Amino acid sequence: MEESKDSYKREYRRISIKTSDGSTLVGKVNIGIKERVSELFTKTENPFIVIIDVEHQDIQGRVLFVNKNNIVWVEPED
């Protein structure tokens, strides 16, 4: 079944993430139809989050898939 582009909502929020290895990533996540960033972590069973426009050391503008088990904290910047 093909999903219509109209049924996919894009609502980006800028966040900072601290990972278990001590790295801090800054980028954007799509919260879609959810109301808050926290719902990406509490209301979905997917073990990964997708972060776009990532800034980390020499990396800029990349897309990263981060395992939620490796996240220490998340801070929304909005």
PDB file of N, CA and C in Angstrom:
ATOM      1  N   MET A   1       0.842  -1.174   0.000  1.00  0.00           N
ATOM      2  CA  MET A   1       0.000   0.000   0.000  1.00  0.00           C
ATOM      3  C   MET A   1       0.889   1.239   0.000  1.00  0.00           C
ATOM      4  N   GLU A   2       0.616   2.148  -0.895  1.00  0.00           N
ATOM      5  CA  GLU A   2       1.397   3.375  -1.001  1.00  0.00           C
ATOM      6  C   GLU A   2       0.775   4.466  -0.143  1.00  0.00           C
ATOM      7  N   GLU A   3       1.618   5.148   0.632  1.00  0.00           N
ATOM      8  CA  GLU A   3       1.132   6.208   1.519  1.00  0.00           C
ATOM      9  C   GLU A   3       1.129   7.535   0.770  1.00  0.00           C
ATOM     10  N   SER A   4       0.035   8.251   0.883  1.00  0.00           N
ATOM     11  CA  SER A   4      -0.088   9.550   0.237  1.00  0.00           C
ATOM     12  C   SER A   4       0.818  10.565   0.920  1.00  0.00           C
ATOM     13  N   LYS A   5       1.404  11.451   0.120  1.00  0.00           N
ATOM     14  CA  LYS A   5       2.250  12.500   0.688  1.00  0.00           C
ATOM     15  C   LYS A   5       1.451  13.425   1.591  1.00  0.00           C
ATOM     16  N   ASP A   6       0.156  13.570   1.312  1.00  0.00           N
ATOM     17  CA  ASP A   6      -0.689  14.438   2.119  1.00  0.00           C
ATOM     18  C   ASP A   6      -0.935  13.874   3.518  1.00  0.00           C
ATOM     19  N   SER A   7      -0.817  12.549   3.689  1.00  0.00           N
ATOM     20  CA  SER A   7      -1.094  11.948   4.986  1.00  0.00           C
ATOM     21  C   SER A   7       0.138  11.929   5.896  1.00  0.00           C
ATOM     22  N   TYR A   8       1.258  12.393   5.398  1.00  0.00           N
ATOM     23  CA  TYR A   8       2.498  12.426   6.174  1.00  0.00           C
ATOM     24  C   TYR A   8       2.790  13.864   6.564  1.00  0.00           C
ATOM     25  N   LYS A   9       2.709  14.150   7.846  1.00  0.00           N
ATOM     26  CA  LYS A   9       2.902  15.516   8.322  1.00  0.00           C
ATOM     27  C   LYS A   9       4.351  15.741   8.721  1.00  0.00           C
ATOM     28  N   ARG A  10       4.906  16.864   8.312  1.00  0.00           N
ATOM     29  CA  ARG A  10       6.264  17.243   8.698  1.00  0.00           C
ATOM     30  C   ARG A  10       6.200  18.427   9.651  1.00  0.00           C
ATOM     31  N   GLU A  11       6.670  18.193  10.850  1.00  0.00           N
ATOM     32  CA  GLU A  11       6.710  19.227  11.881  1.00  0.00           C
ATOM     33  C   GLU A  11       8.037  19.052  12.609  1.00  0.00           C
ATOM     34  N   TYR A  12       9.028  19.871  12.237  1.00  0.00           N
ATOM     35  CA  TYR A  12      10.381  19.694  12.772  1.00  0.00           C
ATOM     36  C   TYR A  12      10.607  20.528  14.027  1.00  0.00           C
ATOM     37  N   ARG A  13      11.353  19.928  14.963  1.00  0.00           N
ATOM     38  CA  ARG A  13      11.778  20.621  16.176  1.00  0.00           C
ATOM     39  C   ARG A  13      13.285  20.459  16.324  1.00  0.00           C
ATOM     40  N   ARG A  14      13.960  21.514  16.698  1.00  0.00           N
ATOM     41  CA  ARG A  14      15.407  21.478  16.914  1.00  0.00           C
ATOM     42  C   ARG A  14      15.687  20.946  18.317  1.00  0.00           C
ATOM     43  N   ILE A  15      16.641  20.012  18.427  1.00  0.00           N
ATOM     44  CA  ILE A  15      16.956  19.393  19.711  1.00  0.00           C
ATOM     45  C   ILE A  15      18.464  19.224  19.867  1.00  0.00           C
ATOM     46  N   SER A  16      18.881  19.060  21.122  1.00  0.00           N
ATOM     47  CA  SER A  16      20.244  18.644  21.455  1.00  0.00           C
ATOM     48  C   SER A  16      20.124  17.293  22.139  1.00  0.00           C
ATOM     49  N   ILE A  17      21.034  16.378  21.791  1.00  0.00           N
ATOM     50  CA  ILE A  17      21.031  15.035  22.363  1.00  0.00           C
ATOM     51  C   ILE A  17      22.412  14.728  22.912  1.00  0.00           C
ATOM     52  N   LYS A  18      22.450  14.192  24.121  1.00  0.00           N
ATOM     53  CA  LYS A  18      23.700  13.710  24.719  1.00  0.00           C
ATOM     54  C   LYS A  18      23.642  12.186  24.660  1.00  0.00           C
ATOM     55  N   THR A  19      24.662  11.564  24.065  1.00  0.00           N
ATOM     56  CA  THR A  19      24.682  10.108  23.935  1.00  0.00           C
ATOM     57  C   THR A  19      25.540   9.480  25.032  1.00  0.00           C
ATOM     58  N   SER A  20      25.416   8.180  25.176  1.00  0.00           N
ATOM     59  CA  SER A  20      26.120   7.470  26.244  1.00  0.00           C
ATOM     60  C   SER A  20      27.638   7.499  26.080  1.00  0.00           C
ATOM     61  N   ASP A  21      28.134   7.792  24.881  1.00  0.00           N
ATOM     62  CA  ASP A  21      29.587   7.910  24.691  1.00  0.00           C
ATOM     63  C   ASP A  21      30.097   9.325  24.942  1.00  0.00           C
ATOM     64  N   GLY A  22      29.198  10.229  25.373  1.00  0.00           N
ATOM     65  CA  GLY A  22      29.589  11.599  25.704  1.00  0.00           C
ATOM     66  C   GLY A  22      29.428  12.595  24.570  1.00  0.00           C
ATOM     67  N   SER A  23      28.999  12.149  23.404  1.00  0.00           N
ATOM     68  CA  SER A  23      28.812  13.045  22.260  1.00  0.00           C
ATOM     69  C   SER A  23      27.545  13.874  22.428  1.00  0.00           C
ATOM     70  N   THR A  24      27.590  15.099  21.927  1.00  0.00           N
ATOM     71  CA  THR A  24      26.396  15.943  21.887  1.00  0.00           C
ATOM     72  C   THR A  24      26.068  16.214  20.431  1.00  0.00           C
ATOM     73  N   LEU A  25      24.853  15.857  20.046  1.00  0.00           N
ATOM     74  CA  LEU A  25      24.370  16.059  18.682  1.00  0.00           C
ATOM     75  C   LEU A  25      23.311  17.139  18.698  1.00  0.00           C
ATOM     76  N   VAL A  26      23.340  18.010  17.711  1.00  0.00           N
ATOM     77  CA  VAL A  26      22.323  19.047  17.563  1.00  0.00           C
ATOM     78  C   VAL A  26      21.724  18.860  16.178  1.00  0.00           C
ATOM     79  N   GLY A  27      20.407  18.830  16.110  1.00  0.00           N
ATOM     80  CA  GLY A  27      19.742  18.642  14.829  1.00  0.00           C
ATOM     81  C   GLY A  27      18.247  18.819  14.973  1.00  0.00           C
ATOM     82  N   LYS A  28      17.522  18.297  13.985  1.00  0.00           N
ATOM     83  CA  LYS A  28      16.064  18.425  13.971  1.00  0.00           C
ATOM     84  C   LYS A  28      15.431  17.048  13.897  1.00  0.00           C
ATOM     85  N   VAL A  29      14.302  16.899  14.601  1.00  0.00           N
ATOM     86  CA  VAL A  29      13.504  15.683  14.518  1.00  0.00           C
ATOM     87  C   VAL A  29      12.111  16.043  14.039  1.00  0.00           C
ATOM     88  N   ASN A  30      11.495  15.137  13.321  1.00  0.00           N
ATOM     89  CA  ASN A  30      10.133  15.341  12.853  1.00  0.00           C
ATOM     90  C   ASN A  30       9.184  14.748  13.887  1.00  0.00           C
ATOM     91  N   ILE A  31       8.400  15.601  14.547  1.00  0.00           N
ATOM     92  CA  ILE A  31       7.443  15.079  15.516  1.00  0.00           C
ATOM     93  C   ILE A  31       6.135  14.694  14.837  1.00  0.00           C
ATOM     94  N   GLY A  32       5.969  15.065  13.563  1.00  0.00           N
ATOM     95  CA  GLY A  32       4.793  14.674  12.789  1.00  0.00           C
ATOM     96  C   GLY A  32       3.498  15.094  13.451  1.00  0.00           C
ATOM     97  N   ILE A  33       2.646  14.108  13.732  1.00  0.00           N
ATOM     98  CA  ILE A  33       1.335  14.396  14.325  1.00  0.00           C
ATOM     99  C   ILE A  33       1.392  14.457  15.848  1.00  0.00           C
ATOM    100  N   LYS A  34       2.550  14.196  16.416  1.00  0.00           N
ATOM    101  CA  LYS A  34       2.690  14.252  17.869  1.00  0.00           C
ATOM    102  C   LYS A  34       2.722  15.716  18.322  1.00  0.00           C
ATOM    103  N   GLU A  35       2.427  15.930  19.583  1.00  0.00           N
ATOM    104  CA  GLU A  35       2.381  17.296  20.096  1.00  0.00           C
ATOM    105  C   GLU A  35       3.705  17.758  20.675  1.00  0.00           C
ATOM    106  N   ARG A  36       4.512  16.810  21.183  1.00  0.00           N
ATOM    107  CA  ARG A  36       5.755  17.177  21.864  1.00  0.00           C
ATOM    108  C   ARG A  36       6.891  16.257  21.438  1.00  0.00           C
ATOM    109  N   VAL A  37       8.113  16.737  21.599  1.00  0.00           N
ATOM    110  CA  VAL A  37       9.312  15.947  21.304  1.00  0.00           C
ATOM    111  C   VAL A  37       9.346  14.697  22.183  1.00  0.00           C
ATOM    112  N   SER A  38       8.946  14.813  23.430  1.00  0.00           N
ATOM    113  CA  SER A  38       9.001  13.684  24.359  1.00  0.00           C
ATOM    114  C   SER A  38       8.204  12.484  23.864  1.00  0.00           C
ATOM    115  N   GLU A  39       7.182  12.708  23.065  1.00  0.00           N
ATOM    116  CA  GLU A  39       6.366  11.610  22.556  1.00  0.00           C
ATOM    117  C   GLU A  39       7.133  10.721  21.582  1.00  0.00           C
ATOM    118  N   LEU A  40       8.207  11.236  20.982  1.00  0.00           N
ATOM    119  CA  LEU A  40       9.055  10.386  20.133  1.00  0.00           C
ATOM    120  C   LEU A  40       9.705   9.275  20.956  1.00  0.00           C
ATOM    121  N   PHE A  41       9.891   9.533  22.235  1.00  0.00           N
ATOM    122  CA  PHE A  41      10.572   8.583  23.104  1.00  0.00           C
ATOM    123  C   PHE A  41       9.607   7.744  23.933  1.00  0.00           C
ATOM    124  N   THR A  42       8.411   8.257  24.180  1.00  0.00           N
ATOM    125  CA  THR A  42       7.479   7.559  25.069  1.00  0.00           C
ATOM    126  C   THR A  42       6.296   6.915  24.358  1.00  0.00           C
ATOM    127  N   LYS A  43       5.927   7.401  23.190  1.00  0.00           N
ATOM    128  CA  LYS A  43       4.711   6.912  22.525  1.00  0.00           C
ATOM    129  C   LYS A  43       4.984   6.125  21.252  1.00  0.00           C
ATOM    130  N   THR A  44       6.230   5.805  20.978  1.00  0.00           N
ATOM    131  CA  THR A  44       6.557   4.985  19.808  1.00  0.00           C
ATOM    132  C   THR A  44       7.421   3.816  20.240  1.00  0.00           C
ATOM    133  N   GLU A  45       7.278   2.705  19.545  1.00  0.00           N
ATOM    134  CA  GLU A  45       8.047   1.510  19.877  1.00  0.00           C
ATOM    135  C   GLU A  45       9.316   1.387  19.036  1.00  0.00           C
ATOM    136  N   ASN A  46       9.469   2.241  18.042  1.00  0.00           N
ATOM    137  CA  ASN A  46      10.653   2.197  17.189  1.00  0.00           C
ATOM    138  C   ASN A  46      11.894   2.478  18.042  1.00  0.00           C
ATOM    139  N   PRO A  47      12.925   1.618  17.977  1.00  0.00           N
ATOM    140  CA  PRO A  47      14.109   1.812  18.812  1.00  0.00           C
ATOM    141  C   PRO A  47      15.039   2.935  18.325  1.00  0.00           C
ATOM    142  N   PHE A  48      14.766   3.500  17.144  1.00  0.00           N
ATOM    143  CA  PHE A  48      15.619   4.546  16.580  1.00  0.00           C
ATOM    144  C   PHE A  48      14.843   5.834  16.378  1.00  0.00           C
ATOM    145  N   ILE A  49      15.560   6.958  16.485  1.00  0.00           N
ATOM    146  CA  ILE A  49      15.000   8.232  16.056  1.00  0.00           C
ATOM    147  C   ILE A  49      15.854   8.740  14.901  1.00  0.00           C
ATOM    148  N   VAL A  50      15.239   9.484  14.020  1.00  0.00           N
ATOM    149  CA  VAL A  50      15.935  10.050  12.868  1.00  0.00           C
ATOM    150  C   VAL A  50      16.178  11.526  13.144  1.00  0.00           C
ATOM    151  N   ILE A  51      17.426  11.946  13.031  1.00  0.00           N
ATOM    152  CA  ILE A  51      17.800  13.341  13.241  1.00  0.00           C
ATOM    153  C   ILE A  51      18.351  13.876  11.925  1.00  0.00           C
ATOM    154  N   ILE A  52      17.824  15.014  11.467  1.00  0.00           N
ATOM    155  CA  ILE A  52      18.308  15.618  10.226  1.00  0.00           C
ATOM    156  C   ILE A  52      19.088  16.885  10.540  1.00  0.00           C
ATOM    157  N   ASP A  53      19.838  17.355   9.562  1.00  0.00           N
ATOM    158  CA  ASP A  53      20.649  18.575   9.703  1.00  0.00           C
ATOM    159  C   ASP A  53      21.527  18.524  10.953  1.00  0.00           C
ATOM    160  N   VAL A  54      22.159  17.379  11.174  1.00  0.00           N
ATOM    161  CA  VAL A  54      22.947  17.151  12.383  1.00  0.00           C
ATOM    162  C   VAL A  54      24.235  17.958  12.379  1.00  0.00           C
ATOM    163  N   GLU A  55      24.537  18.545  13.530  1.00  0.00           N
ATOM    164  CA  GLU A  55      25.813  19.235  13.763  1.00  0.00           C
ATOM    165  C   GLU A  55      26.525  18.505  14.893  1.00  0.00           C
ATOM    166  N   HIS A  56      27.742  18.033  14.614  1.00  0.00           N
ATOM    167  CA  HIS A  56      28.556  17.354  15.624  1.00  0.00           C
ATOM    168  C   HIS A  56      30.006  17.393  15.156  1.00  0.00           C
ATOM    169  N   GLN A  57      30.855  18.051  15.894  1.00  0.00           N
ATOM    170  CA  GLN A  57      32.266  18.206  15.547  1.00  0.00           C
ATOM    171  C   GLN A  57      32.413  18.637  14.092  1.00  0.00           C
ATOM    172  N   ASP A  58      32.962  17.794  13.225  1.00  0.00           N
ATOM    173  CA  ASP A  58      33.177  18.154  11.819  1.00  0.00           C
ATOM    174  C   ASP A  58      31.986  17.826  10.918  1.00  0.00           C
ATOM    175  N   ILE A  59      30.955  17.224  11.477  1.00  0.00           N
ATOM    176  CA  ILE A  59      29.794  16.809  10.691  1.00  0.00           C
ATOM    177  C   ILE A  59      28.765  17.939  10.676  1.00  0.00           C
ATOM    178  N   GLN A  60      28.232  18.238   9.492  1.00  0.00           N
ATOM    179  CA  GLN A  60      27.144  19.209   9.372  1.00  0.00           C
ATOM    180  C   GLN A  60      26.221  18.788   8.251  1.00  0.00           C
ATOM    181  N   GLY A  61      24.921  18.895   8.513  1.00  0.00           N
ATOM    182  CA  GLY A  61      23.929  18.635   7.480  1.00  0.00           C
ATOM    183  C   GLY A  61      23.644  17.177   7.207  1.00  0.00           C
ATOM    184  N   ARG A  62      24.108  16.278   8.044  1.00  0.00           N
ATOM    185  CA  ARG A  62      23.895  14.847   7.836  1.00  0.00           C
ATOM    186  C   ARG A  62      22.571  14.390   8.438  1.00  0.00           C
ATOM    187  N   VAL A  63      22.168  13.179   8.051  1.00  0.00           N
ATOM    188  CA  VAL A  63      21.019  12.504   8.640  1.00  0.00           C
ATOM    189  C   VAL A  63      21.558  11.335   9.448  1.00  0.00           C
ATOM    190  N   LEU A  64      21.163  11.243  10.724  1.00  0.00           N
ATOM    191  CA  LEU A  64      21.614  10.146  11.583  1.00  0.00           C
ATOM    192  C   LEU A  64      20.418   9.399  12.146  1.00  0.00           C
ATOM    193  N   PHE A  65      20.577   8.085  12.290  1.00  0.00           N
ATOM    194  CA  PHE A  65      19.613   7.237  12.969  1.00  0.00           C
ATOM    195  C   PHE A  65      20.254   6.876  14.308  1.00  0.00           C
ATOM    196  N   VAL A  66      19.656   7.296  15.403  1.00  0.00           N
ATOM    197  CA  VAL A  66      20.243   7.103  16.727  1.00  0.00           C
ATOM    198  C   VAL A  66      19.379   6.136  17.527  1.00  0.00           C
ATOM    199  N   ASN A  67      20.023   5.127  18.111  1.00  0.00           N
ATOM    200  CA  ASN A  67      19.324   4.170  18.946  1.00  0.00           C
ATOM    201  C   ASN A  67      18.952   4.848  20.264  1.00  0.00           C
ATOM    202  N   LYS A  68      17.687   4.766  20.640  1.00  0.00           N
ATOM    203  CA  LYS A  68      17.206   5.417  21.863  1.00  0.00           C
ATOM    204  C   LYS A  68      17.926   4.900  23.102  1.00  0.00           C
ATOM    205  N   ASN A  69      18.401   3.658  23.070  1.00  0.00           N
ATOM    206  CA  ASN A  69      19.108   3.084  24.222  1.00  0.00           C
ATOM    207  C   ASN A  69      20.437   3.776  24.485  1.00  0.00           C
ATOM    208  N   ASN A  70      20.962   4.516  23.503  1.00  0.00           N
ATOM    209  CA  ASN A  70      22.246   5.202  23.649  1.00  0.00           C
ATOM    210  C   ASN A  70      22.095   6.681  23.982  1.00  0.00           C
ATOM    211  N   ILE A  71      20.887   7.110  24.289  1.00  0.00           N
ATOM    212  CA  ILE A  71      20.633   8.522  24.596  1.00  0.00           C
ATOM    213  C   ILE A  71      20.548   8.720  26.106  1.00  0.00           C
ATOM    214  N   VAL A  72      21.324   9.677  26.599  1.00  0.00           N
ATOM    215  CA  VAL A  72      21.318  10.005  28.024  1.00  0.00           C
ATOM    216  C   VAL A  72      20.256  11.063  28.316  1.00  0.00           C
ATOM    217  N   TRP A  73      20.240  12.132  27.504  1.00  0.00           N
ATOM    218  CA  TRP A  73      19.217  13.174  27.654  1.00  0.00           C
ATOM    219  C   TRP A  73      18.963  13.862  26.313  1.00  0.00           C
ATOM    220  N   VAL A  74      17.799  14.505  26.244  1.00  0.00           N
ATOM    221  CA  VAL A  74      17.380  15.269  25.058  1.00  0.00           C
ATOM    222  C   VAL A  74      16.839  16.598  25.556  1.00  0.00           C
ATOM    223  N   GLU A  75      17.250  17.676  24.872  1.00  0.00           N
ATOM    224  CA  GLU A  75      16.745  19.001  25.225  1.00  0.00           C
ATOM    225  C   GLU A  75      16.164  19.672  23.982  1.00  0.00           C
ATOM    226  N   PRO A  76      14.848  19.919  23.966  1.00  0.00           N
ATOM    227  CA  PRO A  76      14.269  20.677  22.860  1.00  0.00           C
ATOM    228  C   PRO A  76      14.744  22.118  22.926  1.00  0.00           C
ATOM    229  N   GLU A  77      15.026  22.723  21.778  1.00  0.00           N
ATOM    230  CA  GLU A  77      15.522  24.105  21.755  1.00  0.00           C
ATOM    231  C   GLU A  77      14.427  25.119  21.469  1.00  0.00           C
ATOM    232  N   ASP A  78      13.214  24.656  21.211  1.00  0.00           N
ATOM    233  CA  ASP A  78      12.105  25.589  20.923  1.00  0.00           C
ATOM    234  C   ASP A  78      11.372  25.959  22.174  1.00  0.00           C
TER     235      ASP A  78
END
